[in-house]
Amino acid sequence: MLPVRGETLIRHTAALCCRIAGSSGLLCRDSGFLNQDSKRCYRARPTHGIGRYRHLLPPAVDKRKSKLQTEIKEGTDYEYGTLNFQVTGYNMLYVESFAQYIHKLFNKMSVTVEESFALPTKTTEVLLQQEMASKMSVDYALTTHERVVQVSGLKATMASIILEILMMNQPEGIQLTVKLHTEEDHLKRFKVRPDLEKMKAAIN
């Protein structure tokens, strides 16, 4: 048996150890044993969340909204702004393969390709009028396919070289048009819906 004073001294020493150990996530009971704390005292310390970085990143931009909001870049004395390379033809395979060839060529030439998309197809009916007849009948329907490769930052010194390469590899029956990108070109990507326009007109 220990004397009363010795037992009191041991308890005071154990309490002091508990205070020191409490800072490292440990607690003491009256008996002087150390147990692990389930509350995790370190959460209230400034070092909590030291590995988190998401709050440092800029807010994410919605891709759906960014596609609708087009930015038309203006050209300078040494390079062009936003250009549209439009590929048009009646054979969809030739149109699609030539558009892919243009896209790959720009990637090899280190030209920034903003976007590559397809425009709605257009159907043209060819009417035929027989001899000694007043009525005209539909003889054939031509379907026109169009693909657009949109680039920006094309240097003036590289434009003539790229155009010459494209004209040398242009398939038969395929038309290539190069023009500056405008807001009207962006609106052409969407099909016209007369029913919605009538409803908007009625609301207004």
N, C-alpha and C. Protein backbone atom coordinates (compact mmCIF):
# COMPACT_ATOMS: atom_id res chain seq x y z
N MET A 1 0.85 -1.19 0.00
CA MET A 1 0.00 0.00 0.00
C MET A 1 0.88 1.23 0.00
N LEU A 2 0.50 2.21 -0.81
CA LEU A 2 1.23 3.46 -0.86
C LEU A 2 0.63 4.45 0.12
N PRO A 3 1.41 5.33 0.61
CA PRO A 3 0.84 6.36 1.49
C PRO A 3 -0.11 7.26 0.73
N VAL A 4 -0.94 8.04 1.46
CA VAL A 4 -1.96 8.89 0.83
C VAL A 4 -1.31 9.98 0.00
N ARG A 5 -0.21 10.58 0.52
CA ARG A 5 0.44 11.65 -0.23
C ARG A 5 1.02 11.13 -1.54
N GLY A 6 1.59 9.93 -1.53
CA GLY A 6 2.15 9.37 -2.77
C GLY A 6 1.08 9.09 -3.80
N GLU A 7 -0.07 8.60 -3.32
CA GLU A 7 -1.16 8.32 -4.27
C GLU A 7 -1.70 9.61 -4.87
N THR A 8 -1.80 10.67 -4.06
CA THR A 8 -2.27 11.96 -4.59
C THR A 8 -1.29 12.52 -5.62
N LEU A 9 -0.01 12.39 -5.35
CA LEU A 9 1.02 12.87 -6.30
C LEU A 9 0.95 12.13 -7.62
N ILE A 10 0.67 10.83 -7.55
CA ILE A 10 0.56 10.03 -8.80
C ILE A 10 -0.65 10.49 -9.60
N ARG A 11 -1.75 10.78 -8.90
CA ARG A 11 -2.95 11.24 -9.63
C ARG A 11 -2.73 12.60 -10.29
N HIS A 12 -2.06 13.52 -9.58
CA HIS A 12 -1.76 14.82 -10.19
C HIS A 12 -0.83 14.68 -11.38
N THR A 13 0.12 13.78 -11.27
CA THR A 13 1.05 13.55 -12.40
C THR A 13 0.32 12.95 -13.59
N ALA A 14 -0.60 12.01 -13.33
CA ALA A 14 -1.37 11.39 -14.41
C ALA A 14 -2.28 12.41 -15.10
N ALA A 15 -2.87 13.34 -14.27
CA ALA A 15 -3.72 14.38 -14.86
C ALA A 15 -2.93 15.31 -15.76
N LEU A 16 -1.69 15.65 -15.32
CA LEU A 16 -0.83 16.49 -16.14
C LEU A 16 -0.45 15.79 -17.43
N CYS A 17 -0.18 14.49 -17.36
CA CYS A 17 0.14 13.72 -18.58
C CYS A 17 -1.06 13.67 -19.51
N CYS A 18 -2.27 13.60 -18.92
CA CYS A 18 -3.47 13.58 -19.76
C CYS A 18 -3.64 14.88 -20.52
N ARG A 19 -3.35 16.00 -19.88
CA ARG A 19 -3.44 17.29 -20.56
C ARG A 19 -2.45 17.38 -21.72
N ILE A 20 -1.24 16.87 -21.49
CA ILE A 20 -0.24 16.90 -22.55
C ILE A 20 -0.62 15.94 -23.68
N ALA A 21 -1.09 14.75 -23.28
CA ALA A 21 -1.45 13.76 -24.29
C ALA A 21 -2.74 14.12 -25.00
N GLY A 22 -3.60 14.97 -24.35
CA GLY A 22 -4.84 15.37 -25.01
C GLY A 22 -4.62 16.15 -26.28
N SER A 23 -3.51 16.87 -26.36
CA SER A 23 -3.19 17.62 -27.58
C SER A 23 -2.88 16.72 -28.75
N SER A 24 -2.46 15.47 -28.49
CA SER A 24 -2.15 14.52 -29.56
C SER A 24 -3.30 13.56 -29.81
N GLY A 25 -4.48 13.87 -29.27
CA GLY A 25 -5.64 13.04 -29.54
C GLY A 25 -5.85 11.94 -28.53
N LEU A 26 -5.24 12.01 -27.31
CA LEU A 26 -5.38 10.98 -26.29
C LEU A 26 -6.02 11.57 -25.04
N LEU A 27 -6.80 10.78 -24.34
CA LEU A 27 -7.47 11.19 -23.10
C LEU A 27 -7.12 10.22 -21.98
N CYS A 28 -7.26 10.68 -20.74
CA CYS A 28 -6.96 9.86 -19.56
C CYS A 28 -8.21 9.68 -18.73
N ARG A 29 -8.27 8.56 -18.10
CA ARG A 29 -9.31 8.33 -17.11
C ARG A 29 -8.74 8.59 -15.73
N ASP A 30 -9.60 8.41 -14.75
CA ASP A 30 -9.14 8.63 -13.38
C ASP A 30 -8.07 7.64 -12.97
N SER A 31 -8.07 6.49 -13.61
CA SER A 31 -7.09 5.48 -13.25
C SER A 31 -5.72 5.77 -13.83
N GLY A 32 -5.62 6.74 -14.76
CA GLY A 32 -4.34 7.12 -15.30
C GLY A 32 -4.00 6.44 -16.60
N PHE A 33 -4.89 5.59 -17.19
CA PHE A 33 -4.59 4.94 -18.46
C PHE A 33 -4.95 5.87 -19.61
N LEU A 34 -4.24 5.80 -20.73
CA LEU A 34 -4.45 6.63 -21.91
C LEU A 34 -5.26 5.86 -22.94
N ASN A 35 -6.31 6.49 -23.47
CA ASN A 35 -7.14 5.88 -24.51
C ASN A 35 -7.23 6.83 -25.70
N GLN A 36 -7.49 6.25 -26.88
CA GLN A 36 -7.58 7.06 -28.11
C GLN A 36 -8.92 7.79 -28.15
N ASP A 37 -8.85 9.06 -28.56
CA ASP A 37 -10.06 9.88 -28.61
C ASP A 37 -10.79 9.65 -29.93
N SER A 38 -12.10 9.44 -29.88
CA SER A 38 -12.88 9.23 -31.09
C SER A 38 -13.35 10.53 -31.73
N LYS A 39 -13.21 11.67 -31.05
CA LYS A 39 -13.69 12.94 -31.58
C LYS A 39 -12.68 13.64 -32.47
N ARG A 40 -11.43 13.19 -32.48
CA ARG A 40 -10.42 13.78 -33.34
C ARG A 40 -10.28 15.28 -33.09
N CYS A 41 -9.55 15.61 -32.06
CA CYS A 41 -9.40 17.00 -31.67
C CYS A 41 -8.67 17.85 -32.71
N TYR A 42 -7.95 17.20 -33.63
CA TYR A 42 -7.17 17.98 -34.60
C TYR A 42 -8.03 18.70 -35.61
N ARG A 43 -9.33 18.39 -35.68
CA ARG A 43 -10.20 19.06 -36.65
C ARG A 43 -10.34 20.54 -36.37
N ALA A 44 -10.16 20.97 -35.15
CA ALA A 44 -10.28 22.38 -34.81
C ALA A 44 -8.97 23.14 -35.01
N ARG A 45 -7.95 22.46 -35.50
CA ARG A 45 -6.66 23.10 -35.65
C ARG A 45 -6.52 23.71 -37.05
N PRO A 46 -5.63 24.69 -37.23
CA PRO A 46 -5.47 25.34 -38.55
C PRO A 46 -4.98 24.41 -39.63
N THR A 47 -4.34 23.29 -39.28
CA THR A 47 -3.81 22.38 -40.30
C THR A 47 -4.87 21.47 -40.89
N HIS A 48 -6.10 21.55 -40.40
CA HIS A 48 -7.15 20.69 -40.94
C HIS A 48 -7.46 21.11 -42.38
N GLY A 49 -7.57 20.13 -43.29
CA GLY A 49 -7.82 20.40 -44.70
C GLY A 49 -6.59 20.86 -45.45
N ILE A 50 -5.41 20.42 -45.02
CA ILE A 50 -4.18 20.89 -45.64
C ILE A 50 -4.00 20.32 -47.05
N GLY A 51 -4.63 19.16 -47.32
CA GLY A 51 -4.49 18.56 -48.65
C GLY A 51 -5.58 18.93 -49.63
N ARG A 52 -6.47 19.82 -49.28
CA ARG A 52 -7.57 20.18 -50.17
C ARG A 52 -7.16 21.34 -51.07
N TYR A 53 -7.57 21.24 -52.32
CA TYR A 53 -7.18 22.26 -53.30
C TYR A 53 -8.34 22.72 -54.17
N ARG A 54 -9.51 22.10 -54.03
CA ARG A 54 -10.62 22.45 -54.92
C ARG A 54 -11.07 23.89 -54.75
N HIS A 55 -10.96 24.42 -53.53
CA HIS A 55 -11.39 25.81 -53.31
C HIS A 55 -10.42 26.82 -53.94
N LEU A 56 -9.23 26.36 -54.33
CA LEU A 56 -8.27 27.25 -54.98
C LEU A 56 -8.47 27.33 -56.49
N LEU A 57 -9.20 26.36 -57.07
CA LEU A 57 -9.41 26.34 -58.51
C LEU A 57 -10.51 27.32 -58.91
N PRO A 58 -10.45 27.86 -60.13
CA PRO A 58 -11.53 28.76 -60.60
C PRO A 58 -12.82 27.98 -60.77
N PRO A 59 -13.96 28.64 -60.70
CA PRO A 59 -15.24 27.94 -60.85
C PRO A 59 -15.36 27.31 -62.23
N ALA A 60 -15.91 26.10 -62.27
CA ALA A 60 -16.05 25.37 -63.52
C ALA A 60 -17.11 26.03 -64.40
N VAL A 61 -16.83 26.05 -65.69
CA VAL A 61 -17.75 26.64 -66.66
C VAL A 61 -18.61 25.54 -67.25
N ASP A 62 -19.89 25.80 -67.34
CA ASP A 62 -20.81 24.82 -67.91
C ASP A 62 -20.56 24.69 -69.40
N LYS A 63 -20.31 23.45 -69.86
CA LYS A 63 -19.99 23.24 -71.27
C LYS A 63 -21.19 23.53 -72.16
N ARG A 64 -22.40 23.28 -71.68
CA ARG A 64 -23.58 23.54 -72.49
C ARG A 64 -23.73 25.02 -72.78
N LYS A 65 -23.44 25.86 -71.77
CA LYS A 65 -23.54 27.30 -71.98
C LYS A 65 -22.40 27.82 -72.84
N SER A 66 -21.20 27.25 -72.68
CA SER A 66 -20.06 27.74 -73.45
C SER A 66 -20.22 27.44 -74.92
N LYS A 67 -20.93 26.36 -75.28
CA LYS A 67 -21.12 26.06 -76.69
C LYS A 67 -22.05 27.08 -77.35
N LEU A 68 -23.01 27.58 -76.59
CA LEU A 68 -23.95 28.53 -77.17
C LEU A 68 -23.36 29.93 -77.25
N GLN A 69 -22.45 30.24 -76.34
CA GLN A 69 -21.85 31.57 -76.33
C GLN A 69 -20.55 31.53 -77.12
N THR A 70 -20.62 31.96 -78.38
CA THR A 70 -19.46 31.92 -79.25
C THR A 70 -18.72 33.25 -79.17
N GLU A 71 -17.42 33.16 -79.13
CA GLU A 71 -16.57 34.35 -79.11
C GLU A 71 -15.87 34.46 -80.46
N ILE A 72 -16.13 35.53 -81.16
CA ILE A 72 -15.53 35.76 -82.47
C ILE A 72 -14.23 36.52 -82.27
N LYS A 73 -13.13 35.86 -82.56
CA LYS A 73 -11.82 36.48 -82.39
C LYS A 73 -11.49 37.34 -83.61
N GLU A 74 -10.98 38.51 -83.34
CA GLU A 74 -10.61 39.41 -84.42
C GLU A 74 -9.17 39.14 -84.85
N GLY A 75 -8.92 39.35 -86.12
CA GLY A 75 -7.59 39.12 -86.66
C GLY A 75 -6.67 40.31 -86.45
N THR A 76 -5.40 40.07 -86.70
CA THR A 76 -4.36 41.10 -86.59
C THR A 76 -3.65 41.23 -87.93
N ASP A 77 -2.57 42.01 -87.93
CA ASP A 77 -1.82 42.20 -89.17
C ASP A 77 -1.03 40.95 -89.57
N TYR A 78 -0.82 40.03 -88.63
CA TYR A 78 0.02 38.87 -88.91
C TYR A 78 -0.75 37.56 -88.92
N GLU A 79 -1.97 37.54 -88.39
CA GLU A 79 -2.74 36.30 -88.36
C GLU A 79 -4.22 36.61 -88.47
N TYR A 80 -4.97 35.62 -88.94
CA TYR A 80 -6.41 35.76 -89.14
C TYR A 80 -7.14 35.50 -87.82
N GLY A 81 -8.39 35.92 -87.80
CA GLY A 81 -9.24 35.66 -86.64
C GLY A 81 -9.87 34.27 -86.74
N THR A 82 -11.15 34.19 -86.44
CA THR A 82 -11.87 32.92 -86.50
C THR A 82 -12.32 32.67 -87.94
N LEU A 83 -11.85 31.56 -88.52
CA LEU A 83 -12.17 31.20 -89.90
C LEU A 83 -12.96 29.91 -89.93
N ASN A 84 -13.85 29.83 -90.90
CA ASN A 84 -14.65 28.62 -91.13
C ASN A 84 -14.25 28.00 -92.46
N PHE A 85 -13.77 26.77 -92.42
CA PHE A 85 -13.48 26.00 -93.63
C PHE A 85 -14.68 25.09 -93.88
N GLN A 86 -15.52 25.47 -94.84
CA GLN A 86 -16.76 24.77 -95.11
C GLN A 86 -16.56 23.80 -96.27
N VAL A 87 -16.92 22.55 -96.02
CA VAL A 87 -16.83 21.48 -97.02
C VAL A 87 -18.24 21.08 -97.38
N THR A 88 -18.58 21.18 -98.67
CA THR A 88 -19.94 20.92 -99.15
C THR A 88 -19.89 19.91 -100.29
N GLY A 89 -20.85 19.00 -100.31
CA GLY A 89 -20.92 18.02 -101.39
C GLY A 89 -22.16 17.16 -101.25
N TYR A 90 -22.41 16.34 -102.30
CA TYR A 90 -23.58 15.47 -102.30
C TYR A 90 -23.27 14.08 -101.73
N ASN A 91 -22.02 13.69 -101.75
CA ASN A 91 -21.62 12.40 -101.21
C ASN A 91 -21.13 12.60 -99.77
N MET A 92 -21.85 12.00 -98.82
CA MET A 92 -21.52 12.22 -97.41
C MET A 92 -20.17 11.63 -97.05
N LEU A 93 -19.77 10.51 -97.66
CA LEU A 93 -18.50 9.88 -97.33
C LEU A 93 -17.33 10.78 -97.73
N TYR A 94 -17.40 11.37 -98.92
CA TYR A 94 -16.33 12.26 -99.36
C TYR A 94 -16.26 13.52 -98.50
N VAL A 95 -17.43 14.04 -98.15
CA VAL A 95 -17.48 15.26 -97.33
C VAL A 95 -16.89 14.99 -95.94
N GLU A 96 -17.26 13.88 -95.34
CA GLU A 96 -16.79 13.55 -94.00
C GLU A 96 -15.29 13.26 -94.00
N SER A 97 -14.80 12.51 -94.98
CA SER A 97 -13.37 12.17 -95.01
C SER A 97 -12.52 13.40 -95.29
N PHE A 98 -12.97 14.30 -96.15
CA PHE A 98 -12.20 15.51 -96.44
C PHE A 98 -12.18 16.46 -95.24
N ALA A 99 -13.29 16.52 -94.51
CA ALA A 99 -13.32 17.34 -93.29
C ALA A 99 -12.36 16.79 -92.23
N GLN A 100 -12.29 15.48 -92.10
CA GLN A 100 -11.33 14.88 -91.17
C GLN A 100 -9.89 15.14 -91.61
N TYR A 101 -9.66 15.11 -92.93
CA TYR A 101 -8.31 15.40 -93.44
C TYR A 101 -7.90 16.84 -93.11
N ILE A 102 -8.83 17.77 -93.24
CA ILE A 102 -8.53 19.17 -92.92
C ILE A 102 -8.23 19.32 -91.43
N HIS A 103 -9.02 18.63 -90.60
CA HIS A 103 -8.81 18.71 -89.16
C HIS A 103 -7.43 18.17 -88.78
N LYS A 104 -7.04 17.03 -89.32
CA LYS A 104 -5.73 16.45 -89.02
C LYS A 104 -4.60 17.33 -89.54
N LEU A 105 -4.80 17.95 -90.71
CA LEU A 105 -3.77 18.82 -91.27
C LEU A 105 -3.51 20.02 -90.37
N PHE A 106 -4.57 20.60 -89.83
CA PHE A 106 -4.40 21.74 -88.93
C PHE A 106 -3.70 21.32 -87.63
N ASN A 107 -3.99 20.12 -87.16
CA ASN A 107 -3.31 19.63 -85.95
C ASN A 107 -1.82 19.44 -86.20
N LYS A 108 -1.45 18.95 -87.38
CA LYS A 108 -0.03 18.77 -87.70
C LYS A 108 0.67 20.11 -87.89
N MET A 109 -0.06 21.10 -88.40
CA MET A 109 0.52 22.43 -88.62
C MET A 109 0.47 23.30 -87.37
N SER A 110 0.02 22.75 -86.25
CA SER A 110 -0.06 23.47 -84.98
C SER A 110 -0.98 24.69 -85.07
N VAL A 111 -2.10 24.51 -85.78
CA VAL A 111 -3.12 25.55 -85.88
C VAL A 111 -4.27 25.17 -84.94
N THR A 112 -4.73 26.12 -84.16
CA THR A 112 -5.77 25.85 -83.16
C THR A 112 -7.11 25.61 -83.84
N VAL A 113 -7.68 24.42 -83.63
CA VAL A 113 -9.00 24.07 -84.15
C VAL A 113 -10.01 24.31 -83.02
N GLU A 114 -10.83 25.33 -83.20
CA GLU A 114 -11.82 25.66 -82.17
C GLU A 114 -12.91 24.60 -82.08
N GLU A 115 -13.42 24.21 -83.25
CA GLU A 115 -14.54 23.26 -83.25
C GLU A 115 -14.72 22.70 -84.65
N SER A 116 -15.24 21.49 -84.70
CA SER A 116 -15.56 20.84 -85.97
C SER A 116 -16.97 20.29 -85.85
N PHE A 117 -17.87 20.75 -86.73
CA PHE A 117 -19.27 20.37 -86.58
C PHE A 117 -19.91 20.21 -87.95
N ALA A 118 -21.10 19.68 -87.95
CA ALA A 118 -21.88 19.44 -89.17
C ALA A 118 -23.10 20.35 -89.18
N LEU A 119 -23.43 20.85 -90.35
CA LEU A 119 -24.61 21.68 -90.52
C LEU A 119 -25.79 20.82 -90.98
N PRO A 120 -27.01 21.26 -90.77
CA PRO A 120 -28.17 20.46 -91.21
C PRO A 120 -28.15 20.23 -92.72
N THR A 121 -28.55 19.04 -93.11
CA THR A 121 -28.56 18.70 -94.54
C THR A 121 -29.69 19.45 -95.25
N LYS A 122 -29.47 19.70 -96.52
CA LYS A 122 -30.45 20.40 -97.35
C LYS A 122 -30.83 19.51 -98.52
N THR A 123 -32.10 19.47 -98.81
CA THR A 123 -32.62 18.63 -99.90
C THR A 123 -33.15 19.53 -101.01
N THR A 124 -32.70 19.28 -102.23
CA THR A 124 -33.13 20.05 -103.40
C THR A 124 -33.80 19.10 -104.38
N GLU A 125 -35.02 19.40 -104.74
CA GLU A 125 -35.78 18.56 -105.67
C GLU A 125 -35.58 19.06 -107.10
N VAL A 126 -35.29 18.13 -107.99
CA VAL A 126 -35.10 18.44 -109.41
C VAL A 126 -36.40 18.08 -110.14
N LEU A 127 -37.04 19.08 -110.74
CA LEU A 127 -38.30 18.88 -111.43
C LEU A 127 -38.07 18.64 -112.92
N LEU A 128 -38.87 17.80 -113.51
CA LEU A 128 -38.76 17.45 -114.92
C LEU A 128 -40.10 17.66 -115.60
N GLN A 129 -40.07 18.36 -116.72
CA GLN A 129 -41.28 18.61 -117.49
C GLN A 129 -41.16 17.89 -118.83
N GLN A 130 -42.09 17.01 -119.09
CA GLN A 130 -42.07 16.25 -120.33
C GLN A 130 -42.59 17.10 -121.49
N GLU A 131 -42.30 16.62 -122.69
CA GLU A 131 -42.73 17.35 -123.88
C GLU A 131 -44.26 17.29 -124.01
N MET A 132 -44.77 18.38 -124.46
CA MET A 132 -46.21 18.52 -124.68
C MET A 132 -47.00 18.23 -123.40
N ALA A 133 -46.45 18.70 -122.26
CA ALA A 133 -47.13 18.50 -120.97
C ALA A 133 -46.99 19.78 -120.16
N SER A 134 -47.98 20.06 -119.36
CA SER A 134 -47.97 21.27 -118.53
C SER A 134 -47.55 21.01 -117.09
N LYS A 135 -47.65 19.76 -116.64
CA LYS A 135 -47.29 19.43 -115.27
C LYS A 135 -45.82 19.03 -115.18
N MET A 136 -45.26 19.32 -114.01
CA MET A 136 -43.88 18.98 -113.75
C MET A 136 -43.83 17.93 -112.64
N SER A 137 -42.97 16.96 -112.78
CA SER A 137 -42.84 15.88 -111.81
C SER A 137 -41.43 15.89 -111.21
N VAL A 138 -41.34 15.37 -110.01
CA VAL A 138 -40.05 15.31 -109.33
C VAL A 138 -39.23 14.17 -109.92
N ASP A 139 -38.09 14.53 -110.49
CA ASP A 139 -37.25 13.52 -111.11
C ASP A 139 -36.19 12.98 -110.15
N TYR A 140 -35.61 13.85 -109.34
CA TYR A 140 -34.55 13.42 -108.44
C TYR A 140 -34.46 14.41 -107.27
N ALA A 141 -34.02 13.91 -106.13
CA ALA A 141 -33.83 14.75 -104.94
C ALA A 141 -32.36 14.73 -104.56
N LEU A 142 -31.72 15.89 -104.55
CA LEU A 142 -30.31 16.02 -104.22
C LEU A 142 -30.17 16.43 -102.75
N THR A 143 -29.39 15.68 -102.02
CA THR A 143 -29.14 15.96 -100.61
C THR A 143 -27.75 16.54 -100.47
N THR A 144 -27.67 17.75 -99.92
CA THR A 144 -26.40 18.45 -99.76
C THR A 144 -25.93 18.32 -98.32
N HIS A 145 -24.71 17.83 -98.14
CA HIS A 145 -24.10 17.68 -96.83
C HIS A 145 -23.00 18.74 -96.66
N GLU A 146 -22.88 19.22 -95.43
CA GLU A 146 -21.91 20.29 -95.17
C GLU A 146 -21.24 20.06 -93.82
N ARG A 147 -19.92 20.19 -93.80
CA ARG A 147 -19.12 20.10 -92.58
C ARG A 147 -18.27 21.36 -92.46
N VAL A 148 -18.08 21.80 -91.23
CA VAL A 148 -17.33 23.04 -90.97
C VAL A 148 -16.22 22.74 -89.99
N VAL A 149 -15.01 23.17 -90.32
CA VAL A 149 -13.86 23.10 -89.42
C VAL A 149 -13.49 24.54 -89.07
N GLN A 150 -13.66 24.90 -87.82
CA GLN A 150 -13.45 26.27 -87.36
C GLN A 150 -12.09 26.39 -86.69
N VAL A 151 -11.28 27.31 -87.19
CA VAL A 151 -9.92 27.50 -86.68
C VAL A 151 -9.74 28.95 -86.28
N SER A 152 -8.69 29.21 -85.52
CA SER A 152 -8.36 30.57 -85.11
C SER A 152 -6.85 30.69 -84.98
N GLY A 153 -6.35 31.89 -85.19
CA GLY A 153 -4.91 32.13 -85.05
C GLY A 153 -4.10 31.61 -86.21
N LEU A 154 -4.70 31.52 -87.41
CA LEU A 154 -3.95 31.06 -88.58
C LEU A 154 -3.05 32.19 -89.08
N LYS A 155 -1.76 31.92 -89.16
CA LYS A 155 -0.81 32.94 -89.60
C LYS A 155 -0.95 33.20 -91.09
N ALA A 156 -0.70 34.45 -91.48
CA ALA A 156 -0.84 34.82 -92.88
C ALA A 156 0.19 34.11 -93.76
N THR A 157 1.35 33.82 -93.21
CA THR A 157 2.38 33.14 -94.01
C THR A 157 2.04 31.67 -94.24
N MET A 158 1.25 31.07 -93.33
CA MET A 158 0.88 29.66 -93.47
C MET A 158 -0.41 29.47 -94.25
N ALA A 159 -1.21 30.51 -94.40
CA ALA A 159 -2.52 30.37 -95.03
C ALA A 159 -2.39 29.93 -96.49
N SER A 160 -1.48 30.56 -97.24
CA SER A 160 -1.34 30.22 -98.65
C SER A 160 -0.83 28.79 -98.83
N ILE A 161 0.05 28.34 -97.96
CA ILE A 161 0.58 26.98 -98.06
C ILE A 161 -0.52 25.96 -97.77
N ILE A 162 -1.31 26.21 -96.72
CA ILE A 162 -2.37 25.27 -96.36
C ILE A 162 -3.45 25.23 -97.44
N LEU A 163 -3.80 26.37 -98.00
CA LEU A 163 -4.81 26.39 -99.06
C LEU A 163 -4.33 25.64 -100.29
N GLU A 164 -3.07 25.75 -100.61
CA GLU A 164 -2.53 25.03 -101.77
C GLU A 164 -2.57 23.52 -101.54
N ILE A 165 -2.25 23.09 -100.31
CA ILE A 165 -2.31 21.66 -99.99
C ILE A 165 -3.74 21.14 -100.07
N LEU A 166 -4.69 21.92 -99.56
CA LEU A 166 -6.09 21.49 -99.59
C LEU A 166 -6.63 21.42 -101.01
N MET A 167 -6.26 22.37 -101.85
CA MET A 167 -6.75 22.35 -103.24
C MET A 167 -6.15 21.19 -104.02
N MET A 168 -4.93 20.79 -103.70
CA MET A 168 -4.31 19.65 -104.38
C MET A 168 -4.96 18.33 -103.97
N ASN A 169 -5.47 18.24 -102.75
CA ASN A 169 -6.08 17.00 -102.26
C ASN A 169 -7.60 17.06 -102.22
N GLN A 170 -8.20 18.06 -102.84
CA GLN A 170 -9.65 18.19 -102.83
C GLN A 170 -10.30 17.15 -103.73
N PRO A 171 -11.22 16.33 -103.23
CA PRO A 171 -11.88 15.30 -104.08
C PRO A 171 -12.80 15.94 -105.11
N GLU A 172 -13.15 15.14 -106.09
CA GLU A 172 -14.08 15.61 -107.12
C GLU A 172 -15.49 15.72 -106.56
N GLY A 173 -16.18 16.75 -106.96
CA GLY A 173 -17.55 16.96 -106.49
C GLY A 173 -17.65 17.58 -105.11
N ILE A 174 -16.53 18.00 -104.52
CA ILE A 174 -16.52 18.61 -103.20
C ILE A 174 -16.11 20.07 -103.33
N GLN A 175 -16.86 20.93 -102.71
CA GLN A 175 -16.57 22.37 -102.71
C GLN A 175 -15.99 22.78 -101.37
N LEU A 176 -14.97 23.63 -101.43
CA LEU A 176 -14.32 24.14 -100.23
C LEU A 176 -14.44 25.66 -100.20
N THR A 177 -14.98 26.18 -99.11
CA THR A 177 -15.17 27.61 -98.95
C THR A 177 -14.54 28.05 -97.64
N VAL A 178 -13.80 29.16 -97.69
CA VAL A 178 -13.16 29.73 -96.51
C VAL A 178 -13.74 31.11 -96.28
N LYS A 179 -14.25 31.37 -95.08
CA LYS A 179 -14.85 32.66 -94.79
C LYS A 179 -14.69 32.96 -93.31
N LEU A 180 -14.85 34.22 -92.96
CA LEU A 180 -14.79 34.64 -91.56
C LEU A 180 -16.05 34.20 -90.82
N HIS A 181 -15.87 33.85 -89.57
CA HIS A 181 -16.99 33.38 -88.76
C HIS A 181 -17.82 34.56 -88.28
N THR A 182 -19.14 34.46 -88.43
CA THR A 182 -20.07 35.50 -87.99
C THR A 182 -21.17 34.87 -87.13
N GLU A 183 -22.01 35.72 -86.57
CA GLU A 183 -23.12 35.22 -85.75
C GLU A 183 -24.15 34.49 -86.60
N GLU A 184 -24.31 34.89 -87.85
CA GLU A 184 -25.24 34.19 -88.74
C GLU A 184 -24.80 32.75 -88.99
N ASP A 185 -23.49 32.55 -89.11
CA ASP A 185 -22.99 31.19 -89.29
C ASP A 185 -23.27 30.33 -88.07
N HIS A 186 -23.24 30.94 -86.89
CA HIS A 186 -23.55 30.18 -85.67
C HIS A 186 -25.03 29.80 -85.61
N LEU A 187 -25.90 30.66 -86.06
CA LEU A 187 -27.33 30.37 -86.04
C LEU A 187 -27.71 29.33 -87.07
N LYS A 188 -26.92 29.16 -88.12
CA LYS A 188 -27.22 28.16 -89.14
C LYS A 188 -27.09 26.73 -88.61
N ARG A 189 -26.41 26.58 -87.49
CA ARG A 189 -26.21 25.24 -86.94
C ARG A 189 -27.50 24.63 -86.40
N PHE A 190 -28.49 25.46 -86.12
CA PHE A 190 -29.72 24.99 -85.51
C PHE A 190 -30.84 24.98 -86.55
N LYS A 191 -31.63 23.93 -86.50
CA LYS A 191 -32.75 23.82 -87.43
C LYS A 191 -33.87 24.78 -87.04
N VAL A 192 -34.54 25.28 -88.05
CA VAL A 192 -35.63 26.23 -87.82
C VAL A 192 -36.90 25.45 -87.48
N ARG A 193 -37.57 25.88 -86.43
CA ARG A 193 -38.82 25.26 -86.01
C ARG A 193 -39.94 26.30 -86.10
N PRO A 194 -40.76 26.22 -87.14
CA PRO A 194 -41.82 27.24 -87.33
C PRO A 194 -42.83 27.25 -86.18
N ASP A 195 -43.09 26.08 -85.57
CA ASP A 195 -44.09 26.05 -84.50
C ASP A 195 -43.64 26.88 -83.30
N LEU A 196 -42.34 26.79 -82.97
CA LEU A 196 -41.83 27.58 -81.85
C LEU A 196 -41.84 29.07 -82.18
N GLU A 197 -41.51 29.42 -83.40
CA GLU A 197 -41.53 30.83 -83.79
C GLU A 197 -42.94 31.40 -83.74
N LYS A 198 -43.94 30.62 -84.12
CA LYS A 198 -45.32 31.09 -84.03
C LYS A 198 -45.74 31.29 -82.58
N MET A 199 -45.31 30.38 -81.70
CA MET A 199 -45.64 30.54 -80.28
C MET A 199 -44.97 31.77 -79.69
N LYS A 200 -43.71 32.02 -80.07
CA LYS A 200 -43.02 33.22 -79.58
C LYS A 200 -43.69 34.49 -80.09
N ALA A 201 -44.10 34.46 -81.35
CA ALA A 201 -44.79 35.64 -81.90
C ALA A 201 -46.13 35.87 -81.20
N ALA A 202 -46.82 34.79 -80.85
CA ALA A 202 -48.09 34.94 -80.16
C ALA A 202 -47.90 35.48 -78.74
N ILE A 203 -46.83 35.04 -78.08
CA ILE A 203 -46.56 35.54 -76.74
C ILE A 203 -46.19 37.02 -76.75
N ASN A 204 -45.36 37.40 -77.72
CA ASN A 204 -44.95 38.80 -77.81
C ASN A 204 -46.10 39.70 -78.26
